[in-house]
Amino acid sequence: MNAGELDNLINVLSPKSTARSTDGGKIFTYTTTIENLWAKVEPVEGKEIFLQNQRYYDVDMKFTARYTSVINTKQVIACDGNIFEIQGLIDVDYAHTDLLILGRNLE
């Protein structure tokens, strides 16, 4: 991964609280920043399905960043005013150098 490609600052957020909406759905408040990362952000045209160890991910944004072990799928990514649910995390080539984060827009 070329460092010049990591040109977008993304924020990894953890849920702080959960409430119920009037229709019974959950409303999450994400205010605790876990990590700020520089990443390459690539929109996925249409919907793309990724297969990794027999798991399918329905995503519309890919984030590539330097590897970190503090991110998990219970967190979300804030990028350019949008919130993305983390669908999957892939350690590229299992080398602990690059991390591919698969996200689905929540809005």
N, C-alpha and C. Protein backbone atom coordinates (compact mmCIF):
# COMPACT_ATOMS: atom_id res chain seq x y z
N MET A 1 0.84 -1.17 0.00
CA MET A 1 0.00 0.00 0.00
C MET A 1 0.89 1.24 0.00
N ASN A 2 0.67 2.08 -0.97
CA ASN A 2 1.39 3.33 -1.08
C ASN A 2 0.77 4.33 -0.10
N ALA A 3 1.59 4.99 0.72
CA ALA A 3 1.07 5.93 1.72
C ALA A 3 0.29 7.07 1.09
N GLY A 4 0.61 7.46 -0.14
CA GLY A 4 -0.11 8.53 -0.81
C GLY A 4 -1.55 8.19 -1.15
N GLU A 5 -1.87 6.90 -1.17
CA GLU A 5 -3.25 6.48 -1.46
C GLU A 5 -4.17 6.63 -0.25
N LEU A 6 -3.58 6.72 0.94
CA LEU A 6 -4.37 6.86 2.17
C LEU A 6 -4.67 8.34 2.37
N ASP A 7 -5.65 8.84 1.63
CA ASP A 7 -5.88 10.28 1.57
C ASP A 7 -7.19 10.75 2.20
N ASN A 8 -7.89 9.86 2.89
CA ASN A 8 -9.14 10.23 3.56
C ASN A 8 -9.04 9.88 5.04
N LEU A 9 -9.39 10.84 5.89
CA LEU A 9 -9.39 10.57 7.32
C LEU A 9 -10.76 10.00 7.70
N ILE A 10 -10.74 8.80 8.28
CA ILE A 10 -11.98 8.17 8.73
C ILE A 10 -11.93 8.04 10.25
N ASN A 11 -13.11 8.05 10.86
CA ASN A 11 -13.22 7.91 12.31
C ASN A 11 -13.95 6.62 12.62
N VAL A 12 -13.36 5.80 13.46
CA VAL A 12 -13.99 4.56 13.89
C VAL A 12 -14.66 4.87 15.22
N LEU A 13 -15.99 4.67 15.26
CA LEU A 13 -16.78 5.04 16.43
C LEU A 13 -17.40 3.81 17.06
N SER A 14 -17.53 3.85 18.37
CA SER A 14 -18.17 2.78 19.12
C SER A 14 -19.50 3.31 19.67
N PRO A 15 -20.53 2.46 19.75
CA PRO A 15 -21.81 2.95 20.24
C PRO A 15 -21.73 3.36 21.71
N LYS A 16 -22.32 4.52 22.01
CA LYS A 16 -22.34 4.99 23.40
C LYS A 16 -23.65 4.63 24.07
N SER A 17 -24.76 4.74 23.32
CA SER A 17 -26.05 4.42 23.92
C SER A 17 -27.01 3.92 22.84
N THR A 18 -28.05 3.25 23.30
CA THR A 18 -29.09 2.75 22.41
C THR A 18 -30.44 3.18 22.96
N ALA A 19 -31.32 3.64 22.09
CA ALA A 19 -32.69 4.01 22.47
C ALA A 19 -33.65 3.35 21.49
N ARG A 20 -34.92 3.41 21.80
CA ARG A 20 -35.95 2.85 20.92
C ARG A 20 -36.72 3.99 20.26
N SER A 21 -36.98 3.85 18.97
CA SER A 21 -37.78 4.84 18.25
C SER A 21 -39.26 4.53 18.48
N THR A 22 -40.13 5.41 17.98
CA THR A 22 -41.57 5.22 18.18
C THR A 22 -42.09 3.97 17.48
N ASP A 23 -41.40 3.53 16.42
CA ASP A 23 -41.84 2.32 15.72
C ASP A 23 -41.15 1.06 16.26
N GLY A 24 -40.39 1.20 17.34
CA GLY A 24 -39.76 0.04 17.97
C GLY A 24 -38.35 -0.26 17.51
N GLY A 25 -37.85 0.49 16.52
CA GLY A 25 -36.49 0.27 16.04
C GLY A 25 -35.45 0.83 16.98
N LYS A 26 -34.24 0.37 16.85
CA LYS A 26 -33.15 0.85 17.70
C LYS A 26 -32.54 2.12 17.12
N ILE A 27 -32.21 3.05 18.00
CA ILE A 27 -31.49 4.26 17.61
C ILE A 27 -30.17 4.25 18.37
N PHE A 28 -29.06 4.23 17.64
CA PHE A 28 -27.75 4.19 18.26
C PHE A 28 -27.14 5.59 18.27
N THR A 29 -26.42 5.91 19.32
CA THR A 29 -25.66 7.15 19.40
C THR A 29 -24.19 6.76 19.40
N TYR A 30 -23.45 7.23 18.41
CA TYR A 30 -22.03 6.91 18.30
C TYR A 30 -21.23 8.16 18.62
N THR A 31 -20.63 8.19 19.78
CA THR A 31 -19.86 9.37 20.14
C THR A 31 -18.47 9.05 20.64
N THR A 32 -18.19 7.81 20.91
CA THR A 32 -16.88 7.44 21.42
C THR A 32 -15.96 7.08 20.27
N THR A 33 -14.97 7.92 20.01
CA THR A 33 -14.03 7.65 18.93
C THR A 33 -12.98 6.65 19.41
N ILE A 34 -12.91 5.54 18.68
CA ILE A 34 -11.94 4.49 19.00
C ILE A 34 -10.61 4.76 18.31
N GLU A 35 -10.68 5.17 17.05
CA GLU A 35 -9.47 5.32 16.24
C GLU A 35 -9.75 6.29 15.10
N ASN A 36 -8.77 7.10 14.77
CA ASN A 36 -8.79 7.93 13.56
C ASN A 36 -7.75 7.36 12.62
N LEU A 37 -8.16 7.03 11.41
CA LEU A 37 -7.25 6.38 10.47
C LEU A 37 -7.24 7.11 9.13
N TRP A 38 -6.09 7.12 8.50
CA TRP A 38 -6.01 7.54 7.11
C TRP A 38 -6.26 6.32 6.27
N ALA A 39 -7.15 6.46 5.29
CA ALA A 39 -7.56 5.30 4.50
C ALA A 39 -7.80 5.67 3.05
N LYS A 40 -7.73 4.66 2.21
CA LYS A 40 -8.16 4.77 0.82
C LYS A 40 -9.63 4.39 0.80
N VAL A 41 -10.47 5.28 0.29
CA VAL A 41 -11.91 5.05 0.28
C VAL A 41 -12.35 4.80 -1.16
N GLU A 42 -12.99 3.65 -1.38
CA GLU A 42 -13.44 3.27 -2.72
C GLU A 42 -14.91 2.91 -2.70
N PRO A 43 -15.75 3.72 -3.36
CA PRO A 43 -17.15 3.33 -3.46
C PRO A 43 -17.29 2.10 -4.33
N VAL A 44 -18.23 1.26 -3.99
CA VAL A 44 -18.51 0.06 -4.75
C VAL A 44 -19.70 0.36 -5.63
N GLU A 45 -19.57 0.14 -6.92
CA GLU A 45 -20.66 0.42 -7.85
C GLU A 45 -21.75 -0.63 -7.70
N GLY A 46 -22.97 -0.17 -7.48
CA GLY A 46 -24.06 -1.10 -7.23
C GLY A 46 -23.84 -1.78 -5.89
N LYS A 47 -24.17 -3.00 -5.80
CA LYS A 47 -23.91 -3.79 -4.59
C LYS A 47 -22.88 -4.85 -4.94
N GLU A 48 -21.97 -5.06 -4.06
CA GLU A 48 -20.92 -6.05 -4.31
C GLU A 48 -20.92 -7.03 -3.15
N ILE A 49 -20.81 -8.28 -3.47
CA ILE A 49 -20.80 -9.33 -2.46
C ILE A 49 -19.37 -9.88 -2.38
N PHE A 50 -18.81 -9.89 -1.18
CA PHE A 50 -17.47 -10.42 -0.96
C PHE A 50 -17.58 -11.76 -0.26
N LEU A 51 -16.77 -12.69 -0.64
CA LEU A 51 -16.74 -14.00 0.00
C LEU A 51 -15.41 -14.14 0.73
N GLN A 52 -15.48 -14.35 2.03
CA GLN A 52 -14.27 -14.51 2.84
C GLN A 52 -14.58 -15.58 3.88
N ASN A 53 -13.93 -16.71 3.79
CA ASN A 53 -14.14 -17.80 4.73
C ASN A 53 -15.62 -18.17 4.85
N GLN A 54 -16.30 -18.27 3.70
CA GLN A 54 -17.70 -18.67 3.62
C GLN A 54 -18.66 -17.65 4.25
N ARG A 55 -18.24 -16.40 4.36
CA ARG A 55 -19.13 -15.34 4.85
C ARG A 55 -19.37 -14.37 3.71
N TYR A 56 -20.60 -13.92 3.57
CA TYR A 56 -20.96 -13.00 2.51
C TYR A 56 -21.17 -11.61 3.09
N TYR A 57 -20.66 -10.60 2.40
CA TYR A 57 -20.78 -9.22 2.84
C TYR A 57 -21.47 -8.40 1.76
N ASP A 58 -22.53 -7.71 2.10
CA ASP A 58 -23.24 -6.83 1.19
C ASP A 58 -22.76 -5.41 1.51
N VAL A 59 -21.93 -4.84 0.64
CA VAL A 59 -21.28 -3.56 0.96
C VAL A 59 -21.46 -2.55 -0.17
N ASP A 60 -21.29 -1.27 0.17
CA ASP A 60 -21.25 -0.24 -0.85
C ASP A 60 -20.07 0.70 -0.69
N MET A 61 -19.13 0.39 0.24
CA MET A 61 -17.91 1.18 0.38
C MET A 61 -16.80 0.29 0.92
N LYS A 62 -15.60 0.47 0.34
CA LYS A 62 -14.42 -0.25 0.81
C LYS A 62 -13.44 0.77 1.35
N PHE A 63 -12.88 0.48 2.52
CA PHE A 63 -11.85 1.31 3.13
C PHE A 63 -10.60 0.46 3.29
N THR A 64 -9.46 0.97 2.83
CA THR A 64 -8.20 0.26 3.02
C THR A 64 -7.30 1.14 3.87
N ALA A 65 -6.81 0.59 4.99
CA ALA A 65 -6.00 1.35 5.93
C ALA A 65 -4.84 0.48 6.41
N ARG A 66 -3.93 1.10 7.15
CA ARG A 66 -2.88 0.32 7.79
C ARG A 66 -3.53 -0.60 8.82
N TYR A 67 -2.96 -1.77 9.00
CA TYR A 67 -3.54 -2.77 9.89
C TYR A 67 -3.59 -2.27 11.34
N THR A 68 -4.70 -2.52 11.99
CA THR A 68 -4.87 -2.28 13.42
C THR A 68 -5.80 -3.35 13.96
N SER A 69 -5.59 -3.74 15.20
CA SER A 69 -6.41 -4.81 15.78
C SER A 69 -7.53 -4.28 16.68
N VAL A 70 -7.69 -2.95 16.78
CA VAL A 70 -8.69 -2.39 17.69
C VAL A 70 -10.07 -2.24 17.06
N ILE A 71 -10.20 -2.49 15.77
CA ILE A 71 -11.48 -2.34 15.08
C ILE A 71 -12.23 -3.66 15.07
N ASN A 72 -13.57 -3.59 15.30
CA ASN A 72 -14.39 -4.78 15.21
C ASN A 72 -15.72 -4.44 14.53
N THR A 73 -16.53 -5.43 14.29
CA THR A 73 -17.77 -5.23 13.53
C THR A 73 -18.91 -4.65 14.36
N LYS A 74 -18.70 -4.37 15.63
CA LYS A 74 -19.70 -3.69 16.45
C LYS A 74 -19.57 -2.18 16.34
N GLN A 75 -18.54 -1.72 15.66
CA GLN A 75 -18.29 -0.30 15.51
C GLN A 75 -18.77 0.19 14.15
N VAL A 76 -18.71 1.49 13.94
CA VAL A 76 -19.08 2.09 12.66
C VAL A 76 -17.96 3.03 12.24
N ILE A 77 -18.02 3.42 10.96
CA ILE A 77 -17.05 4.37 10.42
C ILE A 77 -17.79 5.63 10.00
N ALA A 78 -17.26 6.77 10.43
CA ALA A 78 -17.77 8.07 9.99
C ALA A 78 -16.80 8.60 8.95
N CYS A 79 -17.34 8.93 7.77
CA CYS A 79 -16.50 9.42 6.67
C CYS A 79 -17.32 10.39 5.83
N ASP A 80 -16.83 11.61 5.69
CA ASP A 80 -17.48 12.63 4.85
C ASP A 80 -18.97 12.81 5.18
N GLY A 81 -19.31 12.81 6.46
CA GLY A 81 -20.68 13.04 6.87
C GLY A 81 -21.60 11.83 6.80
N ASN A 82 -21.08 10.68 6.40
CA ASN A 82 -21.87 9.45 6.32
C ASN A 82 -21.41 8.46 7.39
N ILE A 83 -22.33 7.61 7.80
CA ILE A 83 -22.03 6.56 8.77
C ILE A 83 -22.12 5.21 8.06
N PHE A 84 -21.08 4.40 8.21
CA PHE A 84 -21.02 3.09 7.57
C PHE A 84 -20.92 2.00 8.64
N GLU A 85 -21.80 1.03 8.55
CA GLU A 85 -21.75 -0.14 9.41
C GLU A 85 -20.64 -1.05 8.91
N ILE A 86 -19.79 -1.50 9.79
CA ILE A 86 -18.69 -2.39 9.39
C ILE A 86 -19.25 -3.79 9.19
N GLN A 87 -19.20 -4.26 7.94
CA GLN A 87 -19.72 -5.58 7.59
C GLN A 87 -18.66 -6.66 7.73
N GLY A 88 -17.41 -6.29 7.48
CA GLY A 88 -16.34 -7.28 7.55
C GLY A 88 -14.98 -6.61 7.60
N LEU A 89 -14.03 -7.33 8.15
CA LEU A 89 -12.64 -6.88 8.26
C LEU A 89 -11.76 -7.97 7.68
N ILE A 90 -10.91 -7.59 6.74
CA ILE A 90 -10.04 -8.58 6.09
C ILE A 90 -8.60 -8.13 6.23
N ASP A 91 -7.78 -8.97 6.84
CA ASP A 91 -6.33 -8.74 6.93
C ASP A 91 -5.75 -9.16 5.59
N VAL A 92 -5.40 -8.18 4.77
CA VAL A 92 -4.93 -8.45 3.40
C VAL A 92 -3.67 -9.30 3.45
N ASP A 93 -3.70 -10.41 2.76
CA ASP A 93 -2.59 -11.38 2.68
C ASP A 93 -2.16 -11.92 4.05
N TYR A 94 -2.98 -11.72 5.09
CA TYR A 94 -2.67 -12.18 6.45
C TYR A 94 -1.29 -11.70 6.90
N ALA A 95 -0.90 -10.52 6.45
CA ALA A 95 0.44 -10.00 6.73
C ALA A 95 0.45 -8.96 7.85
N HIS A 96 -0.70 -8.56 8.37
CA HIS A 96 -0.81 -7.51 9.40
C HIS A 96 -0.19 -6.20 8.94
N THR A 97 -0.35 -5.89 7.65
CA THR A 97 0.14 -4.60 7.14
C THR A 97 -1.02 -3.74 6.63
N ASP A 98 -1.95 -4.34 5.91
CA ASP A 98 -3.11 -3.62 5.37
C ASP A 98 -4.39 -4.26 5.87
N LEU A 99 -5.39 -3.41 6.10
CA LEU A 99 -6.69 -3.88 6.57
C LEU A 99 -7.76 -3.38 5.61
N LEU A 100 -8.54 -4.30 5.06
CA LEU A 100 -9.67 -3.96 4.19
C LEU A 100 -10.92 -3.99 5.06
N ILE A 101 -11.59 -2.83 5.12
CA ILE A 101 -12.81 -2.70 5.91
C ILE A 101 -13.98 -2.58 4.94
N LEU A 102 -14.95 -3.46 5.06
CA LEU A 102 -16.11 -3.46 4.17
C LEU A 102 -17.27 -2.80 4.90
N GLY A 103 -17.85 -1.77 4.28
CA GLY A 103 -18.89 -1.00 4.95
C GLY A 103 -20.16 -0.87 4.16
N ARG A 104 -21.27 -0.73 4.90
CA ARG A 104 -22.59 -0.51 4.31
C ARG A 104 -23.14 0.79 4.87
N ASN A 105 -23.56 1.69 3.99
CA ASN A 105 -24.06 2.99 4.41
C ASN A 105 -25.36 2.82 5.19
N LEU A 106 -25.43 3.46 6.35
CA LEU A 106 -26.61 3.36 7.20
C LEU A 106 -27.67 4.40 6.87
N GLU A 107 -27.36 5.34 6.01
CA GLU A 107 -28.31 6.42 5.72
C GLU A 107 -28.98 6.24 4.38
